[in-house]
């Protein structure tokens, strides 16, 4: 078998939770084109390499079903963005992925409801928000520029899919609740549907 190029570099980044996308250039191309060989190599160590349909490669963990605090924080950050963008625009994905967001313009601390959500994961001010954005960049979900701007990378589709699942579960629960007259719905407003591009 031919040696796998960049194996040490790719392994090091994947084991730290990084998500490779086409914007990672040669590292992504070799990983994507020789996916099965890398998958076999990692499988020998009990690691599960995954290929996402939106051109993302990452290591999946058995812990994915019980995410840690960092994953919950990033997930909540994205959930707030998705809901806010959905309330402001007809289509979520073009705005979500094509916009360079400035930290001062984010909704997370601007609205009481979102602020309460973020406080649950210890995000209380702009410095904390900047820390979440750095986390998103560390794991390959965002790209940052100087001056406090960032853009979501295609790896963030993993979070968008969770938002879609949450919206579908909410809609399903709403339908079940309407079948009974005595049930009271205490949940917050459901997320708007996400239009896949």
N, C-alpha and C. Protein backbone atom coordinates (compact mmCIF):
# COMPACT_ATOMS: atom_id res chain seq x y z
N UNK A 1 0.84 -1.19 0.00
CA UNK A 1 0.00 0.00 0.00
C UNK A 1 0.89 1.25 0.00
N UNK A 2 0.50 2.23 -0.82
CA UNK A 2 1.23 3.49 -0.89
C UNK A 2 1.12 4.23 0.44
N UNK A 3 2.21 4.86 0.88
CA UNK A 3 2.12 5.64 2.12
C UNK A 3 1.10 6.77 1.97
N UNK A 4 0.44 7.10 3.06
CA UNK A 4 -0.56 8.16 3.04
C UNK A 4 0.13 9.50 3.27
N UNK A 5 -0.01 10.43 2.30
CA UNK A 5 0.64 11.73 2.45
C UNK A 5 0.04 12.53 3.62
N UNK A 6 0.88 13.27 4.27
CA UNK A 6 0.47 14.18 5.35
C UNK A 6 -0.24 13.47 6.51
N UNK A 7 -0.01 12.18 6.66
CA UNK A 7 -0.74 11.40 7.66
C UNK A 7 -0.61 12.00 9.06
N UNK A 8 0.59 12.34 9.49
CA UNK A 8 0.80 12.86 10.85
C UNK A 8 0.05 14.18 11.05
N UNK A 9 0.14 15.08 10.06
CA UNK A 9 -0.53 16.37 10.16
C UNK A 9 -2.04 16.19 10.18
N UNK A 10 -2.55 15.39 9.27
CA UNK A 10 -3.99 15.16 9.19
C UNK A 10 -4.49 14.50 10.47
N UNK A 11 -3.78 13.48 10.94
CA UNK A 11 -4.19 12.80 12.16
C UNK A 11 -4.20 13.75 13.34
N UNK A 12 -3.15 14.56 13.47
CA UNK A 12 -3.06 15.48 14.60
C UNK A 12 -4.24 16.44 14.63
N UNK A 13 -4.60 16.98 13.47
CA UNK A 13 -5.71 17.94 13.42
C UNK A 13 -7.05 17.24 13.65
N UNK A 14 -7.23 16.06 13.05
CA UNK A 14 -8.49 15.34 13.22
C UNK A 14 -8.71 14.93 14.68
N UNK A 15 -7.65 14.46 15.33
CA UNK A 15 -7.82 13.99 16.70
C UNK A 15 -8.16 15.13 17.66
N UNK A 16 -7.85 16.36 17.24
CA UNK A 16 -8.20 17.54 18.05
C UNK A 16 -9.60 18.05 17.73
N UNK A 17 -10.30 17.35 16.81
CA UNK A 17 -11.67 17.71 16.48
C UNK A 17 -11.84 18.57 15.25
N UNK A 18 -10.76 18.77 14.51
CA UNK A 18 -10.83 19.62 13.33
C UNK A 18 -11.67 18.97 12.24
N UNK A 19 -12.38 19.79 11.46
CA UNK A 19 -13.19 19.36 10.33
C UNK A 19 -12.56 19.91 9.05
N UNK A 20 -12.09 19.03 8.18
CA UNK A 20 -11.47 19.45 6.93
C UNK A 20 -12.52 19.74 5.88
N UNK A 21 -12.33 20.84 5.14
CA UNK A 21 -13.21 21.23 4.05
C UNK A 21 -12.34 21.62 2.85
N UNK A 22 -12.94 21.84 1.67
CA UNK A 22 -12.12 22.22 0.50
C UNK A 22 -11.24 23.44 0.73
N UNK A 23 -11.62 24.32 1.63
CA UNK A 23 -10.78 25.50 1.87
C UNK A 23 -9.46 25.15 2.55
N UNK A 24 -9.29 23.89 2.96
CA UNK A 24 -8.02 23.44 3.53
C UNK A 24 -7.04 22.99 2.45
N UNK A 25 -7.39 23.16 1.19
CA UNK A 25 -6.48 22.93 0.08
C UNK A 25 -5.99 21.50 -0.06
N UNK A 26 -4.67 21.33 -0.20
CA UNK A 26 -4.08 20.02 -0.47
C UNK A 26 -4.40 18.98 0.59
N UNK A 27 -4.42 19.39 1.84
CA UNK A 27 -4.72 18.43 2.91
C UNK A 27 -6.12 17.84 2.72
N UNK A 28 -7.08 18.70 2.39
CA UNK A 28 -8.43 18.19 2.15
C UNK A 28 -8.47 17.30 0.92
N UNK A 29 -7.84 17.75 -0.17
CA UNK A 29 -7.89 16.99 -1.42
C UNK A 29 -7.35 15.57 -1.25
N UNK A 30 -6.19 15.45 -0.59
CA UNK A 30 -5.61 14.12 -0.42
C UNK A 30 -6.49 13.28 0.51
N UNK A 31 -7.05 13.89 1.53
CA UNK A 31 -7.91 13.18 2.46
C UNK A 31 -9.21 12.74 1.76
N UNK A 32 -9.77 13.59 0.95
CA UNK A 32 -11.02 13.29 0.25
C UNK A 32 -10.79 12.21 -0.83
N UNK A 33 -9.73 12.38 -1.60
CA UNK A 33 -9.47 11.46 -2.71
C UNK A 33 -9.02 10.08 -2.25
N UNK A 34 -8.39 10.01 -1.11
CA UNK A 34 -7.92 8.72 -0.59
C UNK A 34 -8.64 8.38 0.71
N UNK A 35 -9.90 8.78 0.77
CA UNK A 35 -10.70 8.65 1.99
C UNK A 35 -10.69 7.22 2.54
N UNK A 36 -10.93 6.24 1.69
CA UNK A 36 -11.02 4.84 2.17
C UNK A 36 -9.71 4.38 2.79
N UNK A 37 -8.58 4.80 2.23
CA UNK A 37 -7.28 4.41 2.79
C UNK A 37 -7.08 5.04 4.17
N UNK A 38 -7.41 6.33 4.29
CA UNK A 38 -7.29 6.99 5.59
C UNK A 38 -8.28 6.38 6.60
N UNK A 39 -9.48 6.10 6.12
CA UNK A 39 -10.49 5.51 6.99
C UNK A 39 -9.99 4.17 7.55
N UNK A 40 -9.39 3.35 6.72
CA UNK A 40 -8.85 2.06 7.17
C UNK A 40 -7.72 2.26 8.17
N UNK A 41 -6.85 3.21 7.89
CA UNK A 41 -5.72 3.47 8.80
C UNK A 41 -6.23 3.90 10.17
N UNK A 42 -7.21 4.79 10.21
CA UNK A 42 -7.74 5.26 11.49
C UNK A 42 -8.56 4.19 12.19
N UNK A 43 -9.25 3.39 11.40
CA UNK A 43 -10.08 2.31 11.95
C UNK A 43 -9.24 1.31 12.73
N UNK A 44 -8.00 1.11 12.30
CA UNK A 44 -7.11 0.18 13.00
C UNK A 44 -6.87 0.63 14.44
N UNK A 45 -7.08 1.91 14.72
CA UNK A 45 -6.91 2.45 16.07
C UNK A 45 -8.25 2.72 16.76
N UNK A 46 -9.33 2.20 16.17
CA UNK A 46 -10.66 2.37 16.76
C UNK A 46 -11.26 3.74 16.51
N UNK A 47 -10.77 4.46 15.51
CA UNK A 47 -11.27 5.79 15.19
C UNK A 47 -12.17 5.72 13.97
N UNK A 48 -13.20 6.55 13.95
CA UNK A 48 -14.21 6.50 12.89
C UNK A 48 -14.15 7.77 12.04
N UNK A 49 -13.53 7.65 10.87
CA UNK A 49 -13.45 8.77 9.94
C UNK A 49 -14.76 8.86 9.17
N UNK A 50 -15.30 10.07 9.07
CA UNK A 50 -16.58 10.28 8.40
C UNK A 50 -16.42 11.29 7.27
N UNK A 51 -17.25 11.09 6.25
CA UNK A 51 -17.30 11.98 5.09
C UNK A 51 -18.71 12.54 5.05
N UNK A 52 -18.84 13.84 5.17
CA UNK A 52 -20.14 14.50 5.13
C UNK A 52 -20.46 14.90 3.70
N UNK A 53 -21.74 14.82 3.30
CA UNK A 53 -22.10 15.15 1.91
C UNK A 53 -21.73 16.58 1.48
N UNK A 54 -21.53 17.48 2.43
CA UNK A 54 -21.17 18.86 2.08
C UNK A 54 -19.66 19.05 2.02
N UNK A 55 -18.93 17.97 1.67
CA UNK A 55 -17.47 18.03 1.51
C UNK A 55 -16.75 18.37 2.82
N UNK A 56 -17.07 17.61 3.84
CA UNK A 56 -16.43 17.76 5.14
C UNK A 56 -15.94 16.38 5.58
N UNK A 57 -14.72 16.33 6.12
CA UNK A 57 -14.17 15.09 6.64
C UNK A 57 -13.80 15.33 8.10
N UNK A 58 -14.21 14.42 8.98
CA UNK A 58 -13.97 14.58 10.41
C UNK A 58 -13.94 13.22 11.08
N UNK A 59 -13.45 13.18 12.30
CA UNK A 59 -13.49 11.97 13.11
C UNK A 59 -14.74 12.00 13.96
N UNK A 60 -15.50 10.94 13.90
CA UNK A 60 -16.69 10.84 14.75
C UNK A 60 -16.29 10.11 16.02
N UNK A 61 -16.99 10.43 17.07
CA UNK A 61 -16.70 9.84 18.37
C UNK A 61 -17.96 9.22 18.92
N UNK A 62 -17.78 8.19 19.73
CA UNK A 62 -18.94 7.62 20.42
C UNK A 62 -19.50 8.63 21.41
N UNK A 63 -18.73 9.67 21.71
CA UNK A 63 -19.16 10.70 22.66
C UNK A 63 -20.06 11.74 21.99
N UNK A 64 -20.19 11.67 20.64
CA UNK A 64 -20.98 12.67 19.93
C UNK A 64 -22.41 12.77 20.46
N UNK A 65 -22.92 11.66 20.99
CA UNK A 65 -24.29 11.67 21.49
C UNK A 65 -24.41 12.39 22.82
N UNK A 66 -23.29 12.55 23.52
CA UNK A 66 -23.24 13.27 24.79
C UNK A 66 -22.15 14.33 24.69
N UNK A 67 -22.44 15.42 23.99
CA UNK A 67 -21.40 16.41 23.73
C UNK A 67 -20.91 17.09 25.01
N UNK A 68 -19.65 17.49 24.99
CA UNK A 68 -19.07 18.22 26.10
C UNK A 68 -19.49 19.68 26.06
N UNK A 69 -18.97 20.43 27.02
CA UNK A 69 -19.37 21.83 27.14
C UNK A 69 -19.00 22.65 25.90
N UNK A 70 -17.82 22.41 25.33
CA UNK A 70 -17.42 23.18 24.15
C UNK A 70 -18.38 22.93 22.98
N UNK A 71 -18.74 21.67 22.76
CA UNK A 71 -19.67 21.35 21.67
C UNK A 71 -21.04 21.96 21.94
N UNK A 72 -21.49 21.92 23.18
CA UNK A 72 -22.79 22.52 23.52
C UNK A 72 -22.75 24.03 23.31
N UNK A 73 -21.64 24.65 23.68
CA UNK A 73 -21.51 26.09 23.52
C UNK A 73 -21.53 26.48 22.04
N UNK A 74 -20.75 25.75 21.23
CA UNK A 74 -20.74 26.04 19.80
C UNK A 74 -22.12 25.77 19.19
N UNK A 75 -22.75 24.68 19.59
CA UNK A 75 -24.07 24.34 19.08
C UNK A 75 -25.10 25.40 19.40
N UNK A 76 -25.08 25.90 20.63
CA UNK A 76 -26.03 26.94 21.03
C UNK A 76 -25.75 28.24 20.28
N UNK A 77 -24.49 28.56 20.10
CA UNK A 77 -24.10 29.75 19.34
C UNK A 77 -24.70 29.68 17.92
N UNK A 78 -24.52 28.52 17.27
CA UNK A 78 -25.04 28.35 15.91
C UNK A 78 -26.56 28.34 15.91
N UNK A 79 -27.18 27.70 16.88
CA UNK A 79 -28.64 27.66 16.97
C UNK A 79 -29.22 29.07 17.04
N UNK A 80 -28.62 29.92 17.87
CA UNK A 80 -29.08 31.31 17.97
C UNK A 80 -28.93 32.00 16.61
N UNK A 81 -27.78 31.79 15.95
CA UNK A 81 -27.58 32.41 14.63
C UNK A 81 -28.63 31.95 13.63
N UNK A 82 -28.90 30.65 13.62
CA UNK A 82 -29.87 30.10 12.67
C UNK A 82 -31.26 30.67 12.92
N UNK A 83 -31.66 30.72 14.18
CA UNK A 83 -32.99 31.28 14.48
C UNK A 83 -33.07 32.74 14.09
N UNK A 84 -32.05 33.50 14.44
CA UNK A 84 -32.04 34.93 14.15
C UNK A 84 -32.03 35.18 12.64
N UNK A 85 -31.16 34.48 11.91
CA UNK A 85 -31.11 34.64 10.45
C UNK A 85 -32.45 34.23 9.84
N UNK A 86 -33.05 33.15 10.35
CA UNK A 86 -34.35 32.70 9.85
C UNK A 86 -35.45 33.72 10.06
N UNK A 87 -35.36 34.47 11.15
CA UNK A 87 -36.35 35.51 11.41
C UNK A 87 -36.14 36.75 10.54
N UNK A 88 -34.90 36.95 10.09
CA UNK A 88 -34.55 38.14 9.32
C UNK A 88 -34.59 37.92 7.80
N UNK A 89 -34.42 36.67 7.35
CA UNK A 89 -34.27 36.39 5.92
C UNK A 89 -35.11 35.17 5.51
N UNK A 90 -35.51 35.14 4.25
CA UNK A 90 -36.32 34.02 3.76
C UNK A 90 -35.52 32.73 3.66
N UNK A 91 -34.28 32.81 3.24
CA UNK A 91 -33.43 31.62 3.11
C UNK A 91 -32.26 31.75 4.08
N UNK A 92 -32.03 30.70 4.84
CA UNK A 92 -31.00 30.76 5.87
C UNK A 92 -29.61 30.48 5.33
N UNK A 93 -29.45 29.40 4.56
CA UNK A 93 -28.10 28.95 4.23
C UNK A 93 -27.26 29.96 3.43
N UNK A 94 -27.80 30.67 2.42
CA UNK A 94 -26.92 31.61 1.71
C UNK A 94 -26.39 32.71 2.64
N UNK A 95 -27.26 33.27 3.44
CA UNK A 95 -26.86 34.34 4.36
C UNK A 95 -25.89 33.78 5.40
N UNK A 96 -26.22 32.64 5.95
CA UNK A 96 -25.41 32.02 7.01
C UNK A 96 -23.97 31.79 6.55
N UNK A 97 -23.80 31.23 5.34
CA UNK A 97 -22.46 30.87 4.88
C UNK A 97 -21.74 31.97 4.10
N UNK A 98 -22.45 32.86 3.46
CA UNK A 98 -21.81 33.84 2.59
C UNK A 98 -21.44 35.15 3.30
N UNK A 99 -21.99 35.37 4.47
CA UNK A 99 -21.77 36.63 5.19
C UNK A 99 -20.52 36.56 6.04
N UNK A 100 -19.76 37.67 6.03
CA UNK A 100 -18.69 37.84 7.00
C UNK A 100 -19.32 38.59 8.17
N UNK A 101 -19.46 37.90 9.29
CA UNK A 101 -20.14 38.45 10.46
C UNK A 101 -19.15 39.22 11.32
N UNK A 102 -19.60 40.33 11.86
CA UNK A 102 -18.78 41.10 12.80
C UNK A 102 -19.31 40.84 14.21
N UNK A 103 -18.42 40.64 15.13
CA UNK A 103 -18.82 40.26 16.48
C UNK A 103 -19.78 41.28 17.11
N UNK A 104 -19.62 42.56 16.77
CA UNK A 104 -20.49 43.60 17.34
C UNK A 104 -21.91 43.53 16.81
N UNK A 105 -22.12 42.84 15.70
CA UNK A 105 -23.44 42.77 15.08
C UNK A 105 -24.19 41.48 15.38
N UNK A 106 -23.62 40.63 16.21
CA UNK A 106 -24.25 39.34 16.51
C UNK A 106 -25.44 39.52 17.45
N UNK A 107 -26.45 38.66 17.32
CA UNK A 107 -27.65 38.79 18.13
C UNK A 107 -27.53 38.20 19.54
N UNK A 108 -26.50 37.45 19.81
CA UNK A 108 -26.40 36.65 21.04
C UNK A 108 -26.55 37.45 22.33
N UNK A 109 -26.04 38.67 22.34
CA UNK A 109 -26.13 39.49 23.55
C UNK A 109 -27.08 40.67 23.36
N UNK A 110 -27.61 40.83 22.15
CA UNK A 110 -28.46 41.99 21.83
C UNK A 110 -29.92 41.79 22.24
N UNK A 111 -30.34 40.55 22.41
CA UNK A 111 -31.73 40.26 22.75
C UNK A 111 -31.78 39.45 24.03
N UNK A 112 -32.69 39.82 24.90
CA UNK A 112 -32.75 39.18 26.22
C UNK A 112 -32.89 37.67 26.13
N UNK A 113 -33.74 37.20 25.26
CA UNK A 113 -33.95 35.75 25.12
C UNK A 113 -32.64 35.03 24.78
N UNK A 114 -31.92 35.56 23.78
CA UNK A 114 -30.65 34.94 23.38
C UNK A 114 -29.60 35.08 24.48
N UNK A 115 -29.60 36.25 25.15
CA UNK A 115 -28.64 36.47 26.23
C UNK A 115 -28.83 35.41 27.33
N UNK A 116 -30.09 35.09 27.65
CA UNK A 116 -30.38 34.07 28.66
C UNK A 116 -29.88 32.70 28.21
N UNK A 117 -30.05 32.40 26.94
CA UNK A 117 -29.53 31.12 26.42
C UNK A 117 -28.02 31.05 26.60
N UNK A 118 -27.34 32.13 26.19
CA UNK A 118 -25.88 32.13 26.21
C UNK A 118 -25.34 32.10 27.64
N UNK A 119 -26.05 32.70 28.58
CA UNK A 119 -25.61 32.66 29.98
C UNK A 119 -25.58 31.23 30.50
N UNK A 120 -26.42 30.36 29.94
CA UNK A 120 -26.44 28.96 30.37
C UNK A 120 -25.14 28.23 30.04
N UNK A 121 -24.36 28.75 29.09
CA UNK A 121 -23.07 28.16 28.75
C UNK A 121 -21.93 29.12 29.07
N UNK A 122 -22.19 30.03 30.02
CA UNK A 122 -21.18 30.97 30.53
C UNK A 122 -20.64 31.93 29.47
N UNK A 123 -21.49 32.34 28.54
CA UNK A 123 -21.13 33.36 27.57
C UNK A 123 -21.90 34.61 27.96
N UNK A 124 -21.17 35.60 28.53
CA UNK A 124 -21.82 36.76 29.12
C UNK A 124 -21.46 38.10 28.49
N UNK A 125 -20.39 38.13 27.69
CA UNK A 125 -19.98 39.40 27.10
C UNK A 125 -19.28 39.16 25.76
N UNK A 126 -18.84 40.25 25.14
CA UNK A 126 -18.22 40.16 23.82
C UNK A 126 -16.94 39.32 23.85
N UNK A 127 -16.19 39.37 24.93
CA UNK A 127 -14.98 38.55 25.04
C UNK A 127 -15.33 37.07 25.03
N UNK A 128 -16.41 36.71 25.72
CA UNK A 128 -16.85 35.31 25.72
C UNK A 128 -17.30 34.89 24.32
N UNK A 129 -18.01 35.79 23.62
CA UNK A 129 -18.42 35.49 22.24
C UNK A 129 -17.20 35.28 21.36
N UNK A 130 -16.19 36.12 21.52
CA UNK A 130 -14.96 35.98 20.74
C UNK A 130 -14.31 34.63 21.03
N UNK A 131 -14.41 34.17 22.27
CA UNK A 131 -13.89 32.85 22.63
C UNK A 131 -14.62 31.73 21.91
N UNK A 132 -15.94 31.87 21.76
CA UNK A 132 -16.72 30.85 21.03
C UNK A 132 -16.31 30.85 19.56
N UNK A 133 -16.10 32.02 19.01
CA UNK A 133 -15.69 32.11 17.60
C UNK A 133 -14.32 31.47 17.41
N UNK A 134 -13.42 31.67 18.38
CA UNK A 134 -12.11 31.01 18.30
C UNK A 134 -12.26 29.49 18.36
N UNK A 135 -13.18 29.02 19.19
CA UNK A 135 -13.46 27.58 19.24
C UNK A 135 -13.95 27.07 17.90
N UNK A 136 -14.89 27.80 17.31
CA UNK A 136 -15.42 27.41 16.00
C UNK A 136 -14.30 27.34 14.97
N UNK A 137 -13.36 28.28 15.05
CA UNK A 137 -12.23 28.26 14.12
C UNK A 137 -11.31 27.07 14.41
N UNK A 138 -11.05 26.81 15.67
CA UNK A 138 -10.18 25.70 16.06
C UNK A 138 -10.68 24.37 15.50
N UNK A 139 -11.99 24.18 15.51
CA UNK A 139 -12.57 22.93 15.05
C UNK A 139 -12.93 22.92 13.56
N UNK A 140 -12.64 24.02 12.86
CA UNK A 140 -12.86 24.06 11.42
C UNK A 140 -14.26 24.48 11.01
N UNK A 141 -15.03 25.04 11.95
CA UNK A 141 -16.40 25.46 11.63
C UNK A 141 -16.47 26.91 11.16
N UNK A 142 -15.42 27.68 11.38
CA UNK A 142 -15.42 29.09 11.00
C UNK A 142 -14.02 29.51 10.59
N UNK A 143 -13.98 30.61 9.86
CA UNK A 143 -12.71 31.24 9.48
C UNK A 143 -12.78 32.67 9.99
N UNK A 144 -11.71 33.15 10.59
CA UNK A 144 -11.72 34.51 11.12
C UNK A 144 -10.78 35.40 10.33
N UNK A 145 -11.07 36.69 10.42
CA UNK A 145 -10.21 37.73 9.84
C UNK A 145 -9.90 38.73 10.95
N UNK A 146 -8.87 39.52 10.72
CA UNK A 146 -8.59 40.57 11.69
C UNK A 146 -9.75 41.57 11.70
N UNK A 147 -9.94 42.22 12.82
CA UNK A 147 -11.00 43.21 12.93
C UNK A 147 -12.29 42.64 13.48
N UNK A 148 -12.27 41.40 13.96
CA UNK A 148 -13.46 40.85 14.61
C UNK A 148 -14.50 40.26 13.68
N UNK A 149 -14.13 39.91 12.44
CA UNK A 149 -15.09 39.29 11.54
C UNK A 149 -14.79 37.80 11.37
N UNK A 150 -15.84 37.07 11.06
CA UNK A 150 -15.69 35.63 10.81
C UNK A 150 -16.75 35.19 9.83
N UNK A 151 -16.51 34.02 9.23
CA UNK A 151 -17.46 33.43 8.30
C UNK A 151 -17.57 31.94 8.63
N UNK A 152 -18.78 31.42 8.56
CA UNK A 152 -18.98 29.99 8.80
C UNK A 152 -18.46 29.20 7.60
N UNK A 153 -17.76 28.10 7.89
CA UNK A 153 -17.28 27.20 6.86
C UNK A 153 -18.31 26.08 6.65
N UNK A 154 -18.16 25.34 5.56
CA UNK A 154 -19.14 24.30 5.24
C UNK A 154 -19.24 23.23 6.32
N UNK A 155 -18.22 23.08 7.16
CA UNK A 155 -18.30 22.12 8.26
C UNK A 155 -19.48 22.43 9.19
N UNK A 156 -19.93 23.68 9.20
CA UNK A 156 -21.05 24.08 10.06
C UNK A 156 -22.37 23.44 9.64
N UNK A 157 -22.39 22.79 8.47
CA UNK A 157 -23.59 22.05 8.09
C UNK A 157 -23.93 21.00 9.14
N UNK A 158 -22.93 20.50 9.84
CA UNK A 158 -23.20 19.52 10.91
C UNK A 158 -24.11 20.14 11.97
N UNK A 159 -23.86 21.41 12.32
CA UNK A 159 -24.72 22.09 13.29
C UNK A 159 -26.08 22.41 12.67
N UNK A 160 -26.09 22.82 11.39
CA UNK A 160 -27.36 23.14 10.74
C UNK A 160 -28.28 21.93 10.72
N UNK A 161 -27.70 20.76 10.49
CA UNK A 161 -28.53 19.54 10.48
C UNK A 161 -29.15 19.29 11.85
N UNK A 162 -28.41 19.58 12.91
CA UNK A 162 -28.98 19.44 14.25
C UNK A 162 -30.13 20.43 14.45
N UNK A 163 -29.98 21.63 13.90
CA UNK A 163 -31.05 22.63 13.99
C UNK A 163 -32.29 22.17 13.23
N UNK A 164 -32.08 21.55 12.05
CA UNK A 164 -33.20 21.02 11.27
C UNK A 164 -33.91 19.92 12.07
N UNK A 165 -33.12 19.03 12.66
CA UNK A 165 -33.71 17.96 13.47
C UNK A 165 -34.52 18.53 14.63
N UNK A 166 -33.97 19.55 15.29
CA UNK A 166 -34.69 20.17 16.41
C UNK A 166 -36.00 20.80 15.93
N UNK A 167 -35.95 21.47 14.77
CA UNK A 167 -37.16 22.10 14.22
C UNK A 167 -38.20 21.05 13.87
N UNK A 168 -37.74 19.93 13.28
CA UNK A 168 -38.67 18.85 12.92
C UNK A 168 -39.27 18.21 14.16
N UNK A 169 -38.46 18.02 15.19
CA UNK A 169 -38.98 17.45 16.44
C UNK A 169 -39.99 18.40 17.07
N UNK A 170 -39.71 19.69 16.99
CA UNK A 170 -40.61 20.69 17.54
C UNK A 170 -41.94 20.68 16.78
N UNK A 171 -41.86 20.60 15.44
CA UNK A 171 -43.08 20.55 14.62
C UNK A 171 -43.87 19.29 14.92
N UNK A 172 -43.17 18.18 15.09
CA UNK A 172 -43.84 16.92 15.42
C UNK A 172 -44.52 17.01 16.78
N UNK A 173 -43.84 17.62 17.74
CA UNK A 173 -44.42 17.79 19.07
C UNK A 173 -45.63 18.71 19.02
N UNK A 174 -45.55 19.76 18.17
CA UNK A 174 -46.69 20.67 18.01
C UNK A 174 -47.91 19.92 17.47
N UNK A 175 -47.68 19.03 16.50
CA UNK A 175 -48.77 18.26 15.91
C UNK A 175 -49.40 17.34 16.96
N UNK A 176 -48.56 16.70 17.76
CA UNK A 176 -49.07 15.82 18.82
C UNK A 176 -49.83 16.62 19.87
N UNK A 177 -49.33 17.80 20.20
CA UNK A 177 -49.98 18.63 21.21
C UNK A 177 -51.35 19.09 20.73
N UNK A 178 -51.49 19.35 19.43
CA UNK A 178 -52.78 19.81 18.93
C UNK A 178 -53.84 18.70 18.95
N UNK A 179 -53.38 17.44 19.07
CA UNK A 179 -54.31 16.32 19.15
C UNK A 179 -54.96 16.21 20.53
N UNK A 180 -54.39 16.85 21.52
CA UNK A 180 -54.98 16.82 22.87
C UNK A 180 -55.34 18.23 23.26
N UNK A 181 -56.54 18.40 23.87
CA UNK A 181 -56.95 19.77 24.18
C UNK A 181 -56.45 20.28 25.51
N UNK A 182 -55.97 19.44 26.37
CA UNK A 182 -55.59 19.91 27.70
C UNK A 182 -54.11 20.22 27.82
N UNK A 183 -53.32 19.91 26.81
CA UNK A 183 -51.89 20.13 26.89
C UNK A 183 -51.55 21.59 26.63
N UNK A 184 -50.60 22.11 27.41
CA UNK A 184 -50.16 23.48 27.24
C UNK A 184 -48.71 23.45 26.74
N UNK A 185 -48.43 24.21 25.70
CA UNK A 185 -47.09 24.25 25.12
C UNK A 185 -46.27 25.34 25.80
N UNK A 186 -45.24 24.94 26.56
CA UNK A 186 -44.41 25.88 27.29
C UNK A 186 -43.06 26.11 26.61
N UNK A 187 -42.85 25.50 25.45
CA UNK A 187 -41.57 25.65 24.76
C UNK A 187 -41.49 27.00 24.08
N UNK A 188 -40.25 27.49 23.84
CA UNK A 188 -40.11 28.74 23.08
C UNK A 188 -40.54 28.53 21.64
N UNK A 189 -40.68 29.63 20.91
CA UNK A 189 -41.08 29.54 19.50
C UNK A 189 -40.17 28.56 18.76
N UNK A 190 -40.75 27.72 17.88
CA UNK A 190 -39.91 26.77 17.12
C UNK A 190 -39.02 27.50 16.13
N UNK A 191 -37.93 26.83 15.75
CA UNK A 191 -37.03 27.38 14.74
C UNK A 191 -37.71 27.43 13.39
N UNK A 192 -37.40 28.40 12.56
CA UNK A 192 -37.96 28.42 11.21
C UNK A 192 -37.32 27.29 10.40
N UNK A 193 -38.02 26.82 9.36
CA UNK A 193 -37.43 25.76 8.53
C UNK A 193 -36.18 26.26 7.82
N UNK A 194 -35.21 25.40 7.64
CA UNK A 194 -33.97 25.75 6.98
C UNK A 194 -34.07 25.29 5.53
N UNK A 195 -33.80 26.21 4.63
CA UNK A 195 -33.79 25.86 3.21
C UNK A 195 -32.41 25.40 2.86
N UNK A 196 -32.30 24.17 2.40
CA UNK A 196 -30.99 23.63 2.03
C UNK A 196 -30.62 24.14 0.65
N UNK A 197 -29.36 24.57 0.52
CA UNK A 197 -28.93 25.08 -0.79
C UNK A 197 -28.38 23.97 -1.62
